[in-house]
Amino acid sequence: MKFCRMCDLSVEIMTMSGNPAGLKALQDKLAKYKVLAIDDLGAEPLMTEVVSFLYGLIDSRAPVKPTIVTTQLKPSGIIAALGSNSQAEAIVDRLMKPCKMITLEGNQRDRRSKRK
């Protein structure tokens, strides 16, 4: 299993944006994990290059490998955060088809105090 924060992944992608071979290697590496968890998708605006990378990654994983995404947004909010284009819609579509959405209610402080 691989866990990555979207903000860190975004920086890594943008750092490699001029290196197509490096981006492909990163995408292939992330696609191989049995389970991939991406934390805080949509928390910050993403560059077009990052959205394109995510589309390729999620599209390659979607048929057989689980991808877990945490977000504070509903599917329509994710689409808006990703740029409201066909790639954004396709990303959400591929994430939603096989998934079970779990919605946590209340604020973080409430959830933390209940764990103790």
PDB file of N, CA and C in Angstrom:
ATOM      1  N   MET A   1       0.847  -1.186   0.000  1.00  0.00           N
ATOM      2  CA  MET A   1       0.000   0.000   0.000  1.00  0.00           C
ATOM      3  C   MET A   1       0.886   1.240   0.000  1.00  0.00           C
ATOM      4  N   LYS A   2       0.430   2.248  -0.703  1.00  0.00           N
ATOM      5  CA  LYS A   2       1.144   3.528  -0.754  1.00  0.00           C
ATOM      6  C   LYS A   2       0.168   4.632  -0.344  1.00  0.00           C
ATOM      7  N   PHE A   3       0.589   5.470   0.597  1.00  0.00           N
ATOM      8  CA  PHE A   3      -0.185   6.618   1.045  1.00  0.00           C
ATOM      9  C   PHE A   3       0.554   7.875   0.620  1.00  0.00           C
ATOM     10  N   CYS A   4      -0.131   8.798  -0.052  1.00  0.00           N
ATOM     11  CA  CYS A   4       0.521  10.060  -0.405  1.00  0.00           C
ATOM     12  C   CYS A   4      -0.453  11.220  -0.228  1.00  0.00           C
ATOM     13  N   ARG A   5       0.084  12.309   0.234  1.00  0.00           N
ATOM     14  CA  ARG A   5      -0.709  13.535   0.359  1.00  0.00           C
ATOM     15  C   ARG A   5      -0.749  14.196  -1.011  1.00  0.00           C
ATOM     16  N   MET A   6      -1.924  14.689  -1.396  1.00  0.00           N
ATOM     17  CA  MET A   6      -2.072  15.297  -2.711  1.00  0.00           C
ATOM     18  C   MET A   6      -1.138  16.480  -2.877  1.00  0.00           C
ATOM     19  N   CYS A   7      -0.915  17.267  -1.827  1.00  0.00           N
ATOM     20  CA  CYS A   7      -0.032  18.421  -1.947  1.00  0.00           C
ATOM     21  C   CYS A   7       1.397  17.990  -2.273  1.00  0.00           C
ATOM     22  N   ASP A   8       1.870  16.901  -1.656  1.00  0.00           N
ATOM     23  CA  ASP A   8       3.220  16.406  -1.937  1.00  0.00           C
ATOM     24  C   ASP A   8       3.310  15.816  -3.343  1.00  0.00           C
ATOM     25  N   LEU A   9       2.288  15.069  -3.729  1.00  0.00           N
ATOM     26  CA  LEU A   9       2.264  14.479  -5.067  1.00  0.00           C
ATOM     27  C   LEU A   9       2.239  15.566  -6.134  1.00  0.00           C
ATOM     28  N   SER A  10       1.473  16.612  -5.889  1.00  0.00           N
ATOM     29  CA  SER A  10       1.385  17.728  -6.827  1.00  0.00           C
ATOM     30  C   SER A  10       2.752  18.388  -7.027  1.00  0.00           C
ATOM     31  N   VAL A  11       3.473  18.611  -5.943  1.00  0.00           N
ATOM     32  CA  VAL A  11       4.812  19.204  -6.034  1.00  0.00           C
ATOM     33  C   VAL A  11       5.743  18.288  -6.827  1.00  0.00           C
ATOM     34  N   GLU A  12       5.665  16.992  -6.557  1.00  0.00           N
ATOM     35  CA  GLU A  12       6.520  16.041  -7.271  1.00  0.00           C
ATOM     36  C   GLU A  12       6.210  16.040  -8.774  1.00  0.00           C
ATOM     37  N   ILE A  13       4.942  16.082  -9.110  1.00  0.00           N
ATOM     38  CA  ILE A  13       4.533  16.100 -10.519  1.00  0.00           C
ATOM     39  C   ILE A  13       5.019  17.372 -11.194  1.00  0.00           C
ATOM     40  N   MET A  14       4.820  18.513 -10.555  1.00  0.00           N
ATOM     41  CA  MET A  14       5.226  19.788 -11.162  1.00  0.00           C
ATOM     42  C   MET A  14       6.753  19.878 -11.287  1.00  0.00           C
ATOM     43  N   THR A  15       7.478  19.293 -10.354  1.00  0.00           N
ATOM     44  CA  THR A  15       8.932  19.274 -10.430  1.00  0.00           C
ATOM     45  C   THR A  15       9.397  18.498 -11.659  1.00  0.00           C
ATOM     46  N   MET A  16       8.628  17.471 -12.023  1.00  0.00           N
ATOM     47  CA  MET A  16       8.976  16.629 -13.172  1.00  0.00           C
ATOM     48  C   MET A  16       8.265  17.055 -14.454  1.00  0.00           C
ATOM     49  N   SER A  17       7.570  18.166 -14.430  1.00  0.00           N
ATOM     50  CA  SER A  17       6.715  18.524 -15.571  1.00  0.00           C
ATOM     51  C   SER A  17       7.462  18.627 -16.892  1.00  0.00           C
ATOM     52  N   GLY A  18       8.740  18.927 -16.885  1.00  0.00           N
ATOM     53  CA  GLY A  18       9.512  18.999 -18.122  1.00  0.00           C
ATOM     54  C   GLY A  18      10.178  17.685 -18.490  1.00  0.00           C
ATOM     55  N   ASN A  19       9.852  16.629 -17.740  1.00  0.00           N
ATOM     56  CA  ASN A  19      10.501  15.335 -17.931  1.00  0.00           C
ATOM     57  C   ASN A  19       9.438  14.253 -18.163  1.00  0.00           C
ATOM     58  N   PRO A  20       8.955  14.100 -19.403  1.00  0.00           N
ATOM     59  CA  PRO A  20       7.909  13.106 -19.676  1.00  0.00           C
ATOM     60  C   PRO A  20       8.279  11.685 -19.242  1.00  0.00           C
ATOM     61  N   ALA A  21       9.534  11.307 -19.403  1.00  0.00           N
ATOM     62  CA  ALA A  21       9.957   9.964 -18.996  1.00  0.00           C
ATOM     63  C   ALA A  21       9.865   9.799 -17.482  1.00  0.00           C
ATOM     64  N   GLY A  22      10.238  10.844 -16.742  1.00  0.00           N
ATOM     65  CA  GLY A  22      10.139  10.809 -15.284  1.00  0.00           C
ATOM     66  C   GLY A  22       8.701  10.731 -14.815  1.00  0.00           C
ATOM     67  N   LEU A  23       7.806  11.487 -15.470  1.00  0.00           N
ATOM     68  CA  LEU A  23       6.388  11.438 -15.122  1.00  0.00           C
ATOM     69  C   LEU A  23       5.808  10.055 -15.399  1.00  0.00           C
ATOM     70  N   LYS A  24       6.182   9.478 -16.523  1.00  0.00           N
ATOM     71  CA  LYS A  24       5.691   8.140 -16.869  1.00  0.00           C
ATOM     72  C   LYS A  24       6.193   7.122 -15.860  1.00  0.00           C
ATOM     73  N   ALA A  25       7.449   7.240 -15.449  1.00  0.00           N
ATOM     74  CA  ALA A  25       8.010   6.320 -14.451  1.00  0.00           C
ATOM     75  C   ALA A  25       7.277   6.458 -13.119  1.00  0.00           C
ATOM     76  N   LEU A  26       6.969   7.691 -12.718  1.00  0.00           N
ATOM     77  CA  LEU A  26       6.228   7.921 -11.475  1.00  0.00           C
ATOM     78  C   LEU A  26       4.828   7.326 -11.573  1.00  0.00           C
ATOM     79  N   GLN A  27       4.167   7.557 -12.691  1.00  0.00           N
ATOM     80  CA  GLN A  27       2.820   7.023 -12.884  1.00  0.00           C
ATOM     81  C   GLN A  27       2.844   5.492 -12.845  1.00  0.00           C
ATOM     82  N   ASP A  28       3.807   4.884 -13.521  1.00  0.00           N
ATOM     83  CA  ASP A  28       3.919   3.424 -13.523  1.00  0.00           C
ATOM     84  C   ASP A  28       4.185   2.891 -12.117  1.00  0.00           C
ATOM     85  N   LYS A  29       5.034   3.589 -11.373  1.00  0.00           N
ATOM     86  CA  LYS A  29       5.363   3.180  -9.999  1.00  0.00           C
ATOM     87  C   LYS A  29       4.107   3.211  -9.121  1.00  0.00           C
ATOM     88  N   LEU A  30       3.349   4.308  -9.189  1.00  0.00           N
ATOM     89  CA  LEU A  30       2.144   4.434  -8.369  1.00  0.00           C
ATOM     90  C   LEU A  30       1.047   3.477  -8.826  1.00  0.00           C
ATOM     91  N   ALA A  31       1.007   3.177 -10.101  1.00  0.00           N
ATOM     92  CA  ALA A  31      -0.010   2.263 -10.628  1.00  0.00           C
ATOM     93  C   ALA A  31       0.214   0.830 -10.155  1.00  0.00           C
ATOM     94  N   LYS A  32       1.425   0.481  -9.770  1.00  0.00           N
ATOM     95  CA  LYS A  32       1.747  -0.895  -9.387  1.00  0.00           C
ATOM     96  C   LYS A  32       1.325  -1.249  -7.963  1.00  0.00           C
ATOM     97  N   TYR A  33       1.129  -0.260  -7.099  1.00  0.00           N
ATOM     98  CA  TYR A  33       0.745  -0.565  -5.718  1.00  0.00           C
ATOM     99  C   TYR A  33      -0.612  -1.250  -5.690  1.00  0.00           C
ATOM    100  N   LYS A  34      -0.752  -2.234  -4.809  1.00  0.00           N
ATOM    101  CA  LYS A  34      -2.041  -2.931  -4.697  1.00  0.00           C
ATOM    102  C   LYS A  34      -3.140  -1.972  -4.267  1.00  0.00           C
ATOM    103  N   VAL A  35      -2.807  -1.075  -3.354  1.00  0.00           N
ATOM    104  CA  VAL A  35      -3.745  -0.049  -2.883  1.00  0.00           C
ATOM    105  C   VAL A  35      -3.006   1.279  -2.868  1.00  0.00           C
ATOM    106  N   LEU A  36      -3.645   2.295  -3.410  1.00  0.00           N
ATOM    107  CA  LEU A  36      -3.085   3.644  -3.396  1.00  0.00           C
ATOM    108  C   LEU A  36      -4.057   4.554  -2.665  1.00  0.00           C
ATOM    109  N   ALA A  37      -3.568   5.281  -1.671  1.00  0.00           N
ATOM    110  CA  ALA A  37      -4.398   6.234  -0.938  1.00  0.00           C
ATOM    111  C   ALA A  37      -3.882   7.642  -1.212  1.00  0.00           C
ATOM    112  N   ILE A  38      -4.782   8.509  -1.648  1.00  0.00           N
ATOM    113  CA  ILE A  38      -4.440   9.907  -1.918  1.00  0.00           C
ATOM    114  C   ILE A  38      -5.223  10.755  -0.919  1.00  0.00           C
ATOM    115  N   ASP A  39      -4.502  11.482  -0.097  1.00  0.00           N
ATOM    116  CA  ASP A  39      -5.100  12.261   0.985  1.00  0.00           C
ATOM    117  C   ASP A  39      -5.366  13.700   0.553  1.00  0.00           C
ATOM    118  N   ASP A  40      -6.551  14.183   0.871  1.00  0.00           N
ATOM    119  CA  ASP A  40      -6.928  15.586   0.714  1.00  0.00           C
ATOM    120  C   ASP A  40      -7.021  16.059  -0.738  1.00  0.00           C
ATOM    121  N   LEU A  41      -7.615  15.250  -1.585  1.00  0.00           N
ATOM    122  CA  LEU A  41      -7.840  15.653  -2.967  1.00  0.00           C
ATOM    123  C   LEU A  41      -8.796  16.838  -3.002  1.00  0.00           C
ATOM    124  N   GLY A  42      -8.422  17.873  -3.721  1.00  0.00           N
ATOM    125  CA  GLY A  42      -9.274  19.053  -3.863  1.00  0.00           C
ATOM    126  C   GLY A  42      -9.081  20.102  -2.793  1.00  0.00           C
ATOM    127  N   ALA A  43      -8.143  19.881  -1.884  1.00  0.00           N
ATOM    128  CA  ALA A  43      -7.910  20.854  -0.815  1.00  0.00           C
ATOM    129  C   ALA A  43      -7.280  22.134  -1.351  1.00  0.00           C
ATOM    130  N   GLU A  44      -6.587  22.010  -2.479  1.00  0.00           N
ATOM    131  CA  GLU A  44      -5.967  23.180  -3.106  1.00  0.00           C
ATOM    132  C   GLU A  44      -6.111  23.045  -4.615  1.00  0.00           C
ATOM    133  N   PRO A  45      -6.144  24.166  -5.317  1.00  0.00           N
ATOM    134  CA  PRO A  45      -6.262  24.099  -6.783  1.00  0.00           C
ATOM    135  C   PRO A  45      -5.073  23.348  -7.385  1.00  0.00           C
ATOM    136  N   LEU A  46      -5.341  22.596  -8.433  1.00  0.00           N
ATOM    137  CA  LEU A  46      -4.293  21.809  -9.080  1.00  0.00           C
ATOM    138  C   LEU A  46      -4.039  22.322 -10.489  1.00  0.00           C
ATOM    139  N   MET A  47      -2.779  22.311 -10.867  1.00  0.00           N
ATOM    140  CA  MET A  47      -2.387  22.716 -12.211  1.00  0.00           C
ATOM    141  C   MET A  47      -2.895  21.672 -13.215  1.00  0.00           C
ATOM    142  N   THR A  48      -3.064  22.097 -14.444  1.00  0.00           N
ATOM    143  CA  THR A  48      -3.551  21.225 -15.512  1.00  0.00           C
ATOM    144  C   THR A  48      -2.689  19.973 -15.644  1.00  0.00           C
ATOM    145  N   GLU A  49      -1.370  20.125 -15.506  1.00  0.00           N
ATOM    146  CA  GLU A  49      -0.455  18.984 -15.614  1.00  0.00           C
ATOM    147  C   GLU A  49      -0.730  17.938 -14.531  1.00  0.00           C
ATOM    148  N   VAL A  50      -1.087  18.403 -13.349  1.00  0.00           N
ATOM    149  CA  VAL A  50      -1.363  17.491 -12.240  1.00  0.00           C
ATOM    150  C   VAL A  50      -2.666  16.744 -12.497  1.00  0.00           C
ATOM    151  N   VAL A  51      -3.675  17.456 -12.977  1.00  0.00           N
ATOM    152  CA  VAL A  51      -4.960  16.824 -13.289  1.00  0.00           C
ATOM    153  C   VAL A  51      -4.767  15.774 -14.385  1.00  0.00           C
ATOM    154  N   SER A  52      -3.994  16.100 -15.403  1.00  0.00           N
ATOM    155  CA  SER A  52      -3.716  15.130 -16.475  1.00  0.00           C
ATOM    156  C   SER A  52      -3.004  13.895 -15.936  1.00  0.00           C
ATOM    157  N   PHE A  53      -2.039  14.112 -15.051  1.00  0.00           N
ATOM    158  CA  PHE A  53      -1.327  12.997 -14.426  1.00  0.00           C
ATOM    159  C   PHE A  53      -2.303  12.124 -13.632  1.00  0.00           C
ATOM    160  N   LEU A  54      -3.145  12.766 -12.811  1.00  0.00           N
ATOM    161  CA  LEU A  54      -4.121  12.022 -12.014  1.00  0.00           C
ATOM    162  C   LEU A  54      -5.056  11.210 -12.893  1.00  0.00           C
ATOM    163  N   TYR A  55      -5.493  11.816 -13.993  1.00  0.00           N
ATOM    164  CA  TYR A  55      -6.375  11.101 -14.903  1.00  0.00           C
ATOM    165  C   TYR A  55      -5.688   9.823 -15.406  1.00  0.00           C
ATOM    166  N   GLY A  56      -4.465   9.947 -15.881  1.00  0.00           N
ATOM    167  CA  GLY A  56      -3.740   8.779 -16.374  1.00  0.00           C
ATOM    168  C   GLY A  56      -3.534   7.731 -15.297  1.00  0.00           C
ATOM    169  N   LEU A  57      -3.189   8.172 -14.101  1.00  0.00           N
ATOM    170  CA  LEU A  57      -2.947   7.258 -12.989  1.00  0.00           C
ATOM    171  C   LEU A  57      -4.220   6.521 -12.592  1.00  0.00           C
ATOM    172  N   ILE A  58      -5.286   7.267 -12.353  1.00  0.00           N
ATOM    173  CA  ILE A  58      -6.537   6.653 -11.900  1.00  0.00           C
ATOM    174  C   ILE A  58      -7.143   5.791 -12.999  1.00  0.00           C
ATOM    175  N   ASP A  59      -7.017   6.233 -14.241  1.00  0.00           N
ATOM    176  CA  ASP A  59      -7.523   5.443 -15.356  1.00  0.00           C
ATOM    177  C   ASP A  59      -6.786   4.108 -15.451  1.00  0.00           C
ATOM    178  N   SER A  60      -5.493   4.098 -15.196  1.00  0.00           N
ATOM    179  CA  SER A  60      -4.732   2.846 -15.279  1.00  0.00           C
ATOM    180  C   SER A  60      -5.038   1.908 -14.116  1.00  0.00           C
ATOM    181  N   ARG A  61      -5.440   2.452 -12.978  1.00  0.00           N
ATOM    182  CA  ARG A  61      -5.735   1.647 -11.798  1.00  0.00           C
ATOM    183  C   ARG A  61      -7.192   1.212 -11.731  1.00  0.00           C
ATOM    184  N   ALA A  62      -8.086   2.011 -12.277  1.00  0.00           N
ATOM    185  CA  ALA A  62      -9.526   1.861 -12.076  1.00  0.00           C
ATOM    186  C   ALA A  62     -10.081   0.458 -12.296  1.00  0.00           C
ATOM    187  N   PRO A  63      -9.665  -0.238 -13.303  1.00  0.00           N
ATOM    188  CA  PRO A  63     -10.338  -1.514 -13.519  1.00  0.00           C
ATOM    189  C   PRO A  63     -10.087  -2.557 -12.434  1.00  0.00           C
ATOM    190  N   VAL A  64      -8.912  -2.545 -11.822  1.00  0.00           N
ATOM    191  CA  VAL A  64      -8.592  -3.665 -10.931  1.00  0.00           C
ATOM    192  C   VAL A  64      -7.983  -3.315  -9.581  1.00  0.00           C
ATOM    193  N   LYS A  65      -7.412  -2.139  -9.436  1.00  0.00           N
ATOM    194  CA  LYS A  65      -6.710  -1.820  -8.193  1.00  0.00           C
ATOM    195  C   LYS A  65      -7.424  -0.698  -7.445  1.00  0.00           C
ATOM    196  N   PRO A  66      -7.645  -0.901  -6.143  1.00  0.00           N
ATOM    197  CA  PRO A  66      -8.343   0.120  -5.365  1.00  0.00           C
ATOM    198  C   PRO A  66      -7.512   1.383  -5.156  1.00  0.00           C
ATOM    199  N   THR A  67      -8.184   2.506  -5.281  1.00  0.00           N
ATOM    200  CA  THR A  67      -7.601   3.809  -4.993  1.00  0.00           C
ATOM    201  C   THR A  67      -8.507   4.465  -3.954  1.00  0.00           C
ATOM    202  N   ILE A  68      -7.941   4.773  -2.812  1.00  0.00           N
ATOM    203  CA  ILE A  68      -8.684   5.415  -1.731  1.00  0.00           C
ATOM    204  C   ILE A  68      -8.380   6.907  -1.780  1.00  0.00           C
ATOM    205  N   VAL A  69      -9.425   7.718  -1.746  1.00  0.00           N
ATOM    206  CA  VAL A  69      -9.254   9.165  -1.790  1.00  0.00           C
ATOM    207  C   VAL A  69      -9.951   9.768  -0.580  1.00  0.00           C
ATOM    208  N   THR A  70      -9.234  10.623   0.142  1.00  0.00           N
ATOM    209  CA  THR A  70      -9.878  11.383   1.200  1.00  0.00           C
ATOM    210  C   THR A  70     -10.059  12.806   0.697  1.00  0.00           C
ATOM    211  N   THR A  71     -11.178  13.386   1.051  1.00  0.00           N
ATOM    212  CA  THR A  71     -11.493  14.742   0.636  1.00  0.00           C
ATOM    213  C   THR A  71     -12.583  15.295   1.532  1.00  0.00           C
ATOM    214  N   GLN A  72     -12.697  16.588   1.556  1.00  0.00           N
ATOM    215  CA  GLN A  72     -13.795  17.209   2.279  1.00  0.00           C
ATOM    216  C   GLN A  72     -14.872  17.674   1.308  1.00  0.00           C
ATOM    217  N   LEU A  73     -14.742  17.262   0.059  1.00  0.00           N
ATOM    218  CA  LEU A  73     -15.652  17.700  -0.990  1.00  0.00           C
ATOM    219  C   LEU A  73     -16.577  16.580  -1.439  1.00  0.00           C
ATOM    220  N   LYS A  74     -17.749  16.972  -1.929  1.00  0.00           N
ATOM    221  CA  LYS A  74     -18.645  16.033  -2.585  1.00  0.00           C
ATOM    222  C   LYS A  74     -18.121  15.846  -4.015  1.00  0.00           C
ATOM    223  N   PRO A  75     -18.602  14.830  -4.726  1.00  0.00           N
ATOM    224  CA  PRO A  75     -18.113  14.617  -6.093  1.00  0.00           C
ATOM    225  C   PRO A  75     -18.173  15.857  -6.987  1.00  0.00           C
ATOM    226  N   SER A  76     -19.239  16.632  -6.900  1.00  0.00           N
ATOM    227  CA  SER A  76     -19.333  17.845  -7.721  1.00  0.00           C
ATOM    228  C   SER A  76     -18.266  18.863  -7.324  1.00  0.00           C
ATOM    229  N   GLY A  77     -17.911  18.911  -6.060  1.00  0.00           N
ATOM    230  CA  GLY A  77     -16.857  19.804  -5.594  1.00  0.00           C
ATOM    231  C   GLY A  77     -15.478  19.368  -6.057  1.00  0.00           C
ATOM    232  N   ILE A  78     -15.278  18.043  -6.159  1.00  0.00           N
ATOM    233  CA  ILE A  78     -14.000  17.533  -6.672  1.00  0.00           C
ATOM    234  C   ILE A  78     -13.860  17.935  -8.133  1.00  0.00           C
ATOM    235  N   ILE A  79     -14.934  17.766  -8.900  1.00  0.00           N
ATOM    236  CA  ILE A  79     -14.901  18.144 -10.318  1.00  0.00           C
ATOM    237  C   ILE A  79     -14.548  19.621 -10.452  1.00  0.00           C
ATOM    238  N   ALA A  80     -15.181  20.466  -9.661  1.00  0.00           N
ATOM    239  CA  ALA A  80     -14.894  21.906  -9.709  1.00  0.00           C
ATOM    240  C   ALA A  80     -13.440  22.182  -9.328  1.00  0.00           C
ATOM    241  N   ALA A  81     -12.949  21.508  -8.298  1.00  0.00           N
ATOM    242  CA  ALA A  81     -11.568  21.723  -7.840  1.00  0.00           C
ATOM    243  C   ALA A  81     -10.550  21.259  -8.872  1.00  0.00           C
ATOM    244  N   LEU A  82     -10.925  20.275  -9.682  1.00  0.00           N
ATOM    245  CA  LEU A  82     -10.009  19.749 -10.686  1.00  0.00           C
ATOM    246  C   LEU A  82     -10.114  20.476 -12.023  1.00  0.00           C
ATOM    247  N   GLY A  83     -11.004  21.444 -12.109  1.00  0.00           N
ATOM    248  CA  GLY A  83     -11.051  22.255 -13.321  1.00  0.00           C
ATOM    249  C   GLY A  83     -12.308  22.151 -14.153  1.00  0.00           C
ATOM    250  N   SER A  84     -13.291  21.393 -13.697  1.00  0.00           N
ATOM    251  CA  SER A  84     -14.581  21.280 -14.391  1.00  0.00           C
ATOM    252  C   SER A  84     -14.438  20.988 -15.876  1.00  0.00           C
ATOM    253  N   ASN A  85     -13.559  20.070 -16.222  1.00  0.00           N
ATOM    254  CA  ASN A  85     -13.411  19.683 -17.629  1.00  0.00           C
ATOM    255  C   ASN A  85     -13.648  18.177 -17.752  1.00  0.00           C
ATOM    256  N   SER A  86     -13.484  17.647 -18.950  1.00  0.00           N
ATOM    257  CA  SER A  86     -13.776  16.227 -19.170  1.00  0.00           C
ATOM    258  C   SER A  86     -12.837  15.318 -18.370  1.00  0.00           C
ATOM    259  N   GLN A  87     -11.581  15.723 -18.187  1.00  0.00           N
ATOM    260  CA  GLN A  87     -10.673  14.898 -17.382  1.00  0.00           C
ATOM    261  C   GLN A  87     -11.117  14.870 -15.927  1.00  0.00           C
ATOM    262  N   ALA A  88     -11.557  16.009 -15.406  1.00  0.00           N
ATOM    263  CA  ALA A  88     -12.030  16.067 -14.024  1.00  0.00           C
ATOM    264  C   ALA A  88     -13.250  15.162 -13.845  1.00  0.00           C
ATOM    265  N   GLU A  89     -14.174  15.225 -14.786  1.00  0.00           N
ATOM    266  CA  GLU A  89     -15.363  14.372 -14.720  1.00  0.00           C
ATOM    267  C   GLU A  89     -14.993  12.895 -14.820  1.00  0.00           C
ATOM    268  N   ALA A  90     -14.031  12.582 -15.686  1.00  0.00           N
ATOM    269  CA  ALA A  90     -13.600  11.191 -15.842  1.00  0.00           C
ATOM    270  C   ALA A  90     -12.916  10.671 -14.586  1.00  0.00           C
ATOM    271  N   ILE A  91     -12.124  11.506 -13.936  1.00  0.00           N
ATOM    272  CA  ILE A  91     -11.464  11.099 -12.683  1.00  0.00           C
ATOM    273  C   ILE A  91     -12.518  10.729 -11.650  1.00  0.00           C
ATOM    274  N   VAL A  92     -13.492  11.599 -11.458  1.00  0.00           N
ATOM    275  CA  VAL A  92     -14.533  11.340 -10.459  1.00  0.00           C
ATOM    276  C   VAL A  92     -15.357  10.117 -10.852  1.00  0.00           C
ATOM    277  N   ASP A  93     -15.658   9.990 -12.122  1.00  0.00           N
ATOM    278  CA  ASP A  93     -16.421   8.836 -12.601  1.00  0.00           C
ATOM    279  C   ASP A  93     -15.687   7.531 -12.286  1.00  0.00           C
ATOM    280  N   ARG A  94     -14.397   7.476 -12.559  1.00  0.00           N
ATOM    281  CA  ARG A  94     -13.620   6.266 -12.311  1.00  0.00           C
ATOM    282  C   ARG A  94     -13.462   5.978 -10.817  1.00  0.00           C
ATOM    283  N   LEU A  95     -13.413   7.020 -10.015  1.00  0.00           N
ATOM    284  CA  LEU A  95     -13.328   6.819  -8.569  1.00  0.00           C
ATOM    285  C   LEU A  95     -14.664   6.374  -7.979  1.00  0.00           C
ATOM    286  N   MET A  96     -15.760   6.879  -8.526  1.00  0.00           N
ATOM    287  CA  MET A  96     -17.071   6.627  -7.935  1.00  0.00           C
ATOM    288  C   MET A  96     -17.696   5.295  -8.338  1.00  0.00           C
ATOM    289  N   LYS A  97     -17.424   4.818  -9.534  1.00  0.00           N
ATOM    290  CA  LYS A  97     -18.097   3.597 -10.009  1.00  0.00           C
ATOM    291  C   LYS A  97     -17.933   2.419  -9.061  1.00  0.00           C
ATOM    292  N   PRO A  98     -16.724   2.074  -8.697  1.00  0.00           N
ATOM    293  CA  PRO A  98     -16.599   0.879  -7.862  1.00  0.00           C
ATOM    294  C   PRO A  98     -16.576   1.181  -6.367  1.00  0.00           C
ATOM    295  N   CYS A  99     -16.823   2.430  -5.975  1.00  0.00           N
ATOM    296  CA  CYS A  99     -16.521   2.791  -4.585  1.00  0.00           C
ATOM    297  C   CYS A  99     -17.719   2.753  -3.660  1.00  0.00           C
ATOM    298  N   LYS A 100     -17.370   2.806  -2.415  1.00  0.00           N
ATOM    299  CA  LYS A 100     -18.337   3.004  -1.362  1.00  0.00           C
ATOM    300  C   LYS A 100     -17.944   4.320  -0.706  1.00  0.00           C
ATOM    301  N   MET A 101     -18.833   5.300  -0.755  1.00  0.00           N
ATOM    302  CA  MET A 101     -18.524   6.596  -0.168  1.00  0.00           C
ATOM    303  C   MET A 101     -18.884   6.565   1.316  1.00  0.00           C
ATOM    304  N   ILE A 102     -17.950   7.018   2.121  1.00  0.00           N
ATOM    305  CA  ILE A 102     -18.166   7.099   3.567  1.00  0.00           C
ATOM    306  C   ILE A 102     -18.121   8.572   3.947  1.00  0.00           C
ATOM    307  N   THR A 103     -19.196   9.053   4.513  1.00  0.00           N
ATOM    308  CA  THR A 103     -19.273  10.458   4.906  1.00  0.00           C
ATOM    309  C   THR A 103     -19.189  10.552   6.423  1.00  0.00           C
ATOM    310  N   LEU A 104     -18.243  11.320   6.901  1.00  0.00           N
ATOM    311  CA  LEU A 104     -18.094  11.565   8.337  1.00  0.00           C
ATOM    312  C   LEU A 104     -18.753  12.895   8.645  1.00  0.00           C
ATOM    313  N   GLU A 105     -19.549  12.917   9.657  1.00  0.00           N
ATOM    314  CA  GLU A 105     -20.259  14.141  10.027  1.00  0.00           C
ATOM    315  C   GLU A 105     -19.624  14.742  11.275  1.00  0.00           C
ATOM    316  N   GLY A 106     -19.827  16.034  11.470  1.00  0.00           N
ATOM    317  CA  GLY A 106     -19.262  16.725  12.619  1.00  0.00           C
ATOM    318  C   GLY A 106     -17.931  17.339  12.269  1.00  0.00           C
ATOM    319  N   ASN A 107     -17.347  18.041  13.216  1.00  0.00           N
ATOM    320  CA  ASN A 107     -16.041  18.635  12.931  1.00  0.00           C
ATOM    321  C   ASN A 107     -14.933  17.717  13.424  1.00  0.00           C
ATOM    322  N   GLN A 108     -13.719  17.997  13.014  1.00  0.00           N
ATOM    323  CA  GLN A 108     -12.592  17.140  13.371  1.00  0.00           C
ATOM    324  C   GLN A 108     -12.414  17.003  14.872  1.00  0.00           C
ATOM    325  N   ARG A 109     -12.619  18.057  15.588  1.00  0.00           N
ATOM    326  CA  ARG A 109     -12.439  18.013  17.035  1.00  0.00           C
ATOM    327  C   ARG A 109     -13.406  16.990  17.651  1.00  0.00           C
ATOM    328  N   ASP A 110     -14.654  16.956  17.161  1.00  0.00           N
ATOM    329  CA  ASP A 110     -15.622  15.988  17.673  1.00  0.00           C
ATOM    330  C   ASP A 110     -15.158  14.564  17.412  1.00  0.00           C
ATOM    331  N   ARG A 111     -14.653  14.300  16.213  1.00  0.00           N
ATOM    332  CA  ARG A 111     -14.216  12.952  15.864  1.00  0.00           C
ATOM    333  C   ARG A 111     -13.002  12.549  16.688  1.00  0.00           C
ATOM    334  N   ARG A 112     -12.081  13.476  16.938  1.00  0.00           N
ATOM    335  CA  ARG A 112     -10.887  13.156  17.723  1.00  0.00           C
ATOM    336  C   ARG A 112     -11.254  12.818  19.164  1.00  0.00           C
ATOM    337  N   SER A 113     -12.151  13.580  19.760  1.00  0.00           N
ATOM    338  CA  SER A 113     -12.494  13.344  21.160  1.00  0.00           C
ATOM    339  C   SER A 113     -13.223  12.013  21.337  1.00  0.00           C
ATOM    340  N   LYS A 114     -13.944  11.538  20.334  1.00  0.00           N
ATOM    341  CA  LYS A 114     -14.652  10.264  20.431  1.00  0.00           C
ATOM    342  C   LYS A 114     -13.706   9.081  20.332  1.00  0.00           C
ATOM    343  N   ARG A 115     -12.516   9.280  19.751  1.00  0.00           N
ATOM    344  CA  ARG A 115     -11.548   8.185  19.627  1.00  0.00           C
ATOM    345  C   ARG A 115     -10.839   7.894  20.947  1.00  0.00           C
ATOM    346  N   LYS A 116     -10.788   8.829  21.839  1.00  0.00           N
ATOM    347  CA  LYS A 116     -10.024   8.653  23.086  1.00  0.00           C
ATOM    348  C   LYS A 116     -10.714   7.750  24.066  1.00  0.00           C
TER     349      LYS A 116
END
